[in-house]
Amino acid sequence: MANTGTPLVEMRDISIAFGGIKAVDHVTIDLHPGEVVGLLGHNGAGKSTLIKCLSGAYKADSGEIHINGAKVDINNPRDARAYNIETIYQTLALADNLNAASNLFLGREIVGAGGFLDDSAMEAETRKIMARLNPNFRKFNVPVSALSGGQRQSVAIARAVYFNAKILIMDEPTAALGPQETRMVAELIQELKKQGLGIFLIEHDIHAVMDLCDRAVVMKNGQRVGTVNVGEVTDEDILGMIIMGKKPAQAV
């Protein structure tokens, strides 16, 4: 997939060390609107640490982050949200005892004229955003603990999109899901791409990356092995990058 124009995100020459050990060592990656970029590597490869510099969980020791071509400073998650960056962790951070609407607006509730929560308005907005993302979602009035894994992902994604996410970080979104649920999440990701969001997907599963991503970035020992267009390589090519740090001819 050839990308033209200004990237949505550029992380340039990012480094971060903990106790003298370089977790991320001069790594550069980018992301374009309507694109899914997978980040792969063994545990400890540095992929999660790198992306936490974008989400505001960590502050890089050196390097630059550019959003839509402009250099930005991201010191905490609040800064990241100000640049329309949202993170969906594997745990989803949902309140199990609350329904979809209450989770969508958790901490950002709609309050009516009398100072009371406007439950009707929140449910109406939740139904609107779900109609865009997952038209088959029907369980608006049950606690999210009663939802399937794919439906819970829908709620977490809807929350991010409703509050104007343009850059989405997803941590293994199909982990522990069955085939039908995985398809549901894949359809959600395709819909987000159509709407112009850029998505970083942190993954261990090569098959998920081949199915969901446009490009894949492989990291090893804190460094970027290479970046490939998923349609131009095989599973074995990516596996070779992960295990041996071997870059195929198509990689950059």
Protein backbone atom coordinates (compact mmCIF):
# COMPACT_ATOMS: atom_id res chain seq x y z
CA MET A 1 0.00 0.00 0.00
CA ALA A 2 1.61 3.25 -1.15
CA ASN A 3 1.01 6.15 1.21
CA THR A 4 1.08 9.72 0.00
CA GLY A 5 0.54 12.97 1.84
CA THR A 6 1.34 13.95 5.38
CA PRO A 7 1.26 11.09 7.89
CA LEU A 8 -1.26 11.24 10.69
CA VAL A 9 1.54 10.25 13.08
CA GLU A 10 5.30 10.21 12.79
CA MET A 11 7.43 8.96 15.65
CA ARG A 12 10.97 9.94 14.74
CA ASP A 13 14.11 8.46 16.26
CA ILE A 14 12.40 7.56 19.56
CA SER A 15 14.55 6.25 22.40
CA ILE A 16 13.70 5.40 25.99
CA ALA A 17 15.74 3.56 28.62
CA PHE A 18 14.93 2.08 32.02
CA GLY A 19 17.80 1.59 34.44
CA GLY A 20 20.35 1.97 31.68
CA ILE A 21 18.68 -0.65 29.45
CA LYS A 22 17.40 0.75 26.15
CA ALA A 23 13.83 -0.46 25.80
CA VAL A 24 13.43 1.50 22.54
CA ASP A 25 16.52 2.41 20.57
CA HIS A 26 16.19 5.12 17.86
CA VAL A 27 12.95 3.83 16.31
CA THR A 28 11.03 5.64 13.57
CA ILE A 29 7.52 4.66 12.48
CA ASP A 30 4.56 6.41 10.86
CA LEU A 31 0.82 5.99 10.31
CA HIS A 32 -1.49 7.42 7.66
CA PRO A 33 -5.25 8.14 7.75
CA GLY A 34 -7.35 5.08 6.97
CA GLU A 35 -4.44 2.72 7.63
CA VAL A 36 -3.80 -0.09 10.11
CA VAL A 37 -0.17 -0.63 11.11
CA GLY A 38 0.65 -3.74 13.11
CA LEU A 39 3.46 -3.75 15.68
CA LEU A 40 4.97 -7.17 16.26
CA GLY A 41 7.82 -8.69 18.24
CA HIS A 42 8.56 -10.97 21.16
CA ASN A 43 7.75 -9.86 24.69
CA GLY A 44 10.36 -7.25 25.56
CA ALA A 45 10.92 -6.28 21.93
CA GLY A 46 9.90 -2.69 22.74
CA LYS A 47 6.64 -2.41 20.79
CA SER A 48 4.41 -1.64 23.78
CA THR A 49 6.97 0.76 25.27
CA LEU A 50 7.23 2.61 21.95
CA ILE A 51 3.49 3.00 21.63
CA LYS A 52 3.16 4.10 25.27
CA CYS A 53 5.27 7.13 24.30
CA LEU A 54 2.44 8.01 21.91
CA SER A 55 -0.35 7.30 24.40
CA GLY A 56 1.32 9.44 27.07
CA ALA A 57 1.99 6.59 29.49
CA TYR A 58 5.76 7.15 29.03
CA LYS A 59 7.84 10.15 28.03
CA ALA A 60 10.55 9.37 25.47
CA ASP A 61 14.14 10.24 26.43
CA SER A 62 14.80 11.51 22.91
CA GLY A 63 13.16 11.76 19.51
CA GLU A 64 10.14 13.63 18.18
CA ILE A 65 6.43 12.97 17.69
CA HIS A 66 4.63 14.72 14.84
CA ILE A 67 0.83 14.78 14.44
CA ASN A 68 -0.41 15.88 11.01
CA GLY A 69 3.07 17.20 10.27
CA ALA A 70 3.38 19.35 13.41
CA LYS A 71 5.79 18.54 16.25
CA VAL A 72 3.95 17.92 19.52
CA ASP A 73 4.82 17.23 23.14
CA ILE A 74 3.01 14.34 24.78
CA ASN A 75 3.79 14.16 28.48
CA ASN A 76 0.73 12.30 29.77
CA PRO A 77 -2.51 10.63 28.58
CA ARG A 78 -4.36 13.97 28.76
CA ASP A 79 -1.96 15.43 26.18
CA ALA A 80 -2.52 12.39 23.96
CA ARG A 81 -6.30 12.80 24.11
CA ALA A 82 -5.91 16.48 23.19
CA TYR A 83 -4.35 15.26 19.93
CA ASN A 84 -7.25 12.81 19.41
CA ILE A 85 -5.20 9.77 20.39
CA GLU A 86 -7.14 7.07 22.23
CA THR A 87 -5.92 3.71 23.55
CA ILE A 88 -8.00 0.56 23.85
CA TYR A 89 -6.15 -1.79 26.17
CA GLN A 90 -6.69 -5.53 26.20
CA THR A 91 -8.56 -5.17 29.50
CA LEU A 92 -10.88 -2.62 27.75
CA ALA A 93 -11.24 -0.64 31.02
CA LEU A 94 -15.01 -1.06 31.09
CA ALA A 95 -17.16 -0.88 34.23
CA ASP A 96 -18.77 -4.32 34.20
CA ASN A 97 -21.79 -3.32 36.29
CA LEU A 98 -22.80 -0.48 33.93
CA ASN A 99 -24.54 -0.64 30.55
CA ALA A 100 -23.12 0.49 27.19
CA ALA A 101 -24.28 4.12 27.46
CA SER A 102 -22.98 4.53 31.02
CA ASN A 103 -19.61 3.14 29.91
CA LEU A 104 -19.49 5.33 26.83
CA PHE A 105 -19.95 8.49 28.92
CA LEU A 106 -18.10 7.33 32.05
CA GLY A 107 -16.42 10.42 33.49
CA ARG A 108 -17.91 12.59 30.72
CA GLU A 109 -21.62 12.21 31.51
CA ILE A 110 -24.33 14.35 29.90
CA VAL A 111 -26.05 16.39 32.62
CA GLY A 112 -29.51 17.92 32.15
CA ALA A 113 -30.72 21.38 33.15
CA GLY A 114 -31.57 20.26 36.69
CA GLY A 115 -28.06 18.90 37.29
CA PHE A 116 -29.18 15.27 36.96
CA LEU A 117 -27.69 12.71 34.59
CA ASP A 118 -29.55 12.71 31.26
CA ASP A 119 -29.77 8.95 30.73
CA SER A 120 -32.07 9.29 27.70
CA ALA A 121 -29.64 11.60 25.90
CA MET A 122 -26.70 9.29 26.64
CA GLU A 123 -28.59 6.23 25.39
CA ALA A 124 -29.68 8.10 22.23
CA GLU A 125 -26.08 9.12 21.48
CA THR A 126 -24.87 5.57 22.16
CA ARG A 127 -27.46 4.18 19.73
CA LYS A 128 -26.30 6.67 17.07
CA ILE A 129 -22.62 5.79 17.32
CA MET A 130 -23.38 2.05 17.46
CA ALA A 131 -25.52 2.37 14.33
CA ARG A 132 -22.39 3.63 12.57
CA LEU A 133 -19.97 1.07 13.98
CA ASN A 134 -21.93 -2.09 14.74
CA PRO A 135 -25.54 -1.96 13.49
CA ASN A 136 -26.22 -5.43 14.93
CA PHE A 137 -25.59 -4.27 18.51
CA ARG A 138 -28.85 -4.52 20.45
CA LYS A 139 -27.95 -4.99 24.12
CA PHE A 140 -28.16 -1.39 25.32
CA ASN A 141 -29.82 -2.01 28.66
CA VAL A 142 -27.75 -4.81 30.20
CA PRO A 143 -24.47 -4.54 32.13
CA VAL A 144 -21.46 -4.94 29.85
CA SER A 145 -20.51 -8.01 31.93
CA ALA A 146 -23.34 -9.77 30.04
CA LEU A 147 -21.85 -8.91 26.63
CA SER A 148 -19.64 -11.12 24.47
CA GLY A 149 -16.00 -10.22 23.89
CA GLY A 150 -16.70 -8.70 20.48
CA GLN A 151 -19.60 -6.65 21.82
CA ARG A 152 -17.40 -5.35 24.65
CA GLN A 153 -14.82 -4.32 22.06
CA SER A 154 -17.63 -2.47 20.25
CA VAL A 155 -18.40 -0.46 23.38
CA ALA A 156 -14.73 0.40 23.97
CA ILE A 157 -14.24 1.43 20.33
CA ALA A 158 -17.48 3.45 20.31
CA ARG A 159 -16.30 5.36 23.37
CA ALA A 160 -13.03 6.29 21.65
CA VAL A 161 -14.68 7.26 18.36
CA TYR A 162 -17.49 9.26 19.98
CA PHE A 163 -14.91 11.48 21.65
CA ASN A 164 -13.23 12.23 18.31
CA ALA A 165 -10.37 9.75 18.21
CA LYS A 166 -8.38 10.09 14.99
CA ILE A 167 -5.52 7.86 16.10
CA LEU A 168 -6.43 4.60 17.78
CA ILE A 169 -4.05 2.29 19.62
CA MET A 170 -5.43 -1.24 20.01
CA ASP A 171 -3.73 -3.87 22.16
CA GLU A 172 -4.41 -7.36 20.80
CA PRO A 173 -8.09 -6.68 20.07
CA THR A 174 -8.89 -10.25 19.00
CA ALA A 175 -7.05 -12.08 21.81
CA ALA A 176 -9.22 -14.79 23.40
CA LEU A 177 -12.07 -14.21 20.92
CA GLY A 178 -13.70 -16.97 18.87
CA PRO A 179 -13.89 -16.87 15.05
CA GLN A 180 -17.28 -15.08 14.92
CA GLU A 181 -16.21 -12.47 17.48
CA THR A 182 -12.91 -11.97 15.65
CA ARG A 183 -14.85 -11.30 12.44
CA MET A 184 -16.95 -8.71 14.28
CA VAL A 185 -13.83 -6.87 15.44
CA ALA A 186 -12.35 -7.09 11.93
CA GLU A 187 -15.51 -5.48 10.54
CA LEU A 188 -15.28 -2.72 13.17
CA ILE A 189 -11.68 -2.03 12.16
CA GLN A 190 -12.66 -1.86 8.47
CA GLU A 191 -15.39 0.64 9.35
CA LEU A 192 -12.92 2.78 11.30
CA LYS A 193 -10.55 2.75 8.31
CA LYS A 194 -13.36 3.98 6.04
CA GLN A 195 -13.92 6.85 8.44
CA GLY A 196 -10.27 7.86 8.07
CA LEU A 197 -8.92 6.79 11.45
CA GLY A 198 -5.37 5.54 11.70
CA ILE A 199 -4.85 2.47 13.88
CA PHE A 200 -1.77 1.06 15.57
CA LEU A 201 -2.37 -2.60 16.38
CA ILE A 202 -0.07 -4.20 18.97
CA GLU A 203 -0.14 -7.92 18.17
CA HIS A 204 1.56 -11.26 18.82
CA ASP A 205 -0.60 -13.14 16.31
CA ILE A 206 0.90 -13.01 12.81
CA HIS A 207 -2.36 -14.26 11.29
CA ALA A 208 -4.28 -11.35 12.86
CA VAL A 209 -1.74 -8.92 11.40
CA MET A 210 -1.99 -10.51 7.94
CA ASP A 211 -5.80 -10.27 8.12
CA LEU A 212 -6.21 -6.81 9.65
CA CYS A 213 -3.16 -4.68 8.80
CA ASP A 214 -1.91 -2.75 5.79
CA ARG A 215 1.68 -2.59 7.02
CA ALA A 216 3.60 -4.38 9.75
CA VAL A 217 6.49 -3.07 11.83
CA VAL A 218 8.65 -5.71 13.50
CA MET A 219 10.77 -4.86 16.55
CA LYS A 220 13.51 -6.88 18.22
CA ASN A 221 15.68 -5.92 21.20
CA GLY A 222 14.30 -2.38 21.19
CA GLN A 223 15.10 -1.73 17.55
CA ARG A 224 13.00 -1.71 14.40
CA VAL A 225 13.89 -4.69 12.23
CA GLY A 226 11.86 -3.32 9.32
CA THR A 227 8.49 -2.29 7.95
CA VAL A 228 6.65 -4.29 5.28
CA ASN A 229 3.49 -3.97 3.25
CA VAL A 230 1.47 -6.96 4.44
CA GLY A 231 0.25 -7.79 0.92
CA GLU A 232 3.82 -8.21 -0.33
CA VAL A 233 5.12 -10.69 2.24
CA THR A 234 4.28 -14.10 3.69
CA ASP A 235 3.75 -15.25 7.27
CA GLU A 236 7.21 -16.84 7.06
CA ASP A 237 8.80 -13.51 6.08
CA ILE A 238 7.35 -11.83 9.17
CA LEU A 239 8.26 -14.80 11.38
CA GLY A 240 11.86 -14.54 10.16
CA MET A 241 11.89 -10.86 11.10
CA ILE A 242 10.55 -11.62 14.59
CA ILE A 243 12.78 -14.60 15.42
CA MET A 244 16.01 -13.86 13.57
CA GLY A 245 15.75 -10.16 12.84
CA LYS A 246 16.03 -11.08 9.16
CA LYS A 247 14.67 -8.35 6.88
CA PRO A 248 13.06 -9.48 3.59
CA ALA A 249 13.88 -7.65 0.37
CA GLN A 250 10.53 -5.83 0.47
CA ALA A 251 11.15 -4.30 3.92
CA VAL A 252 12.15 -0.71 4.57
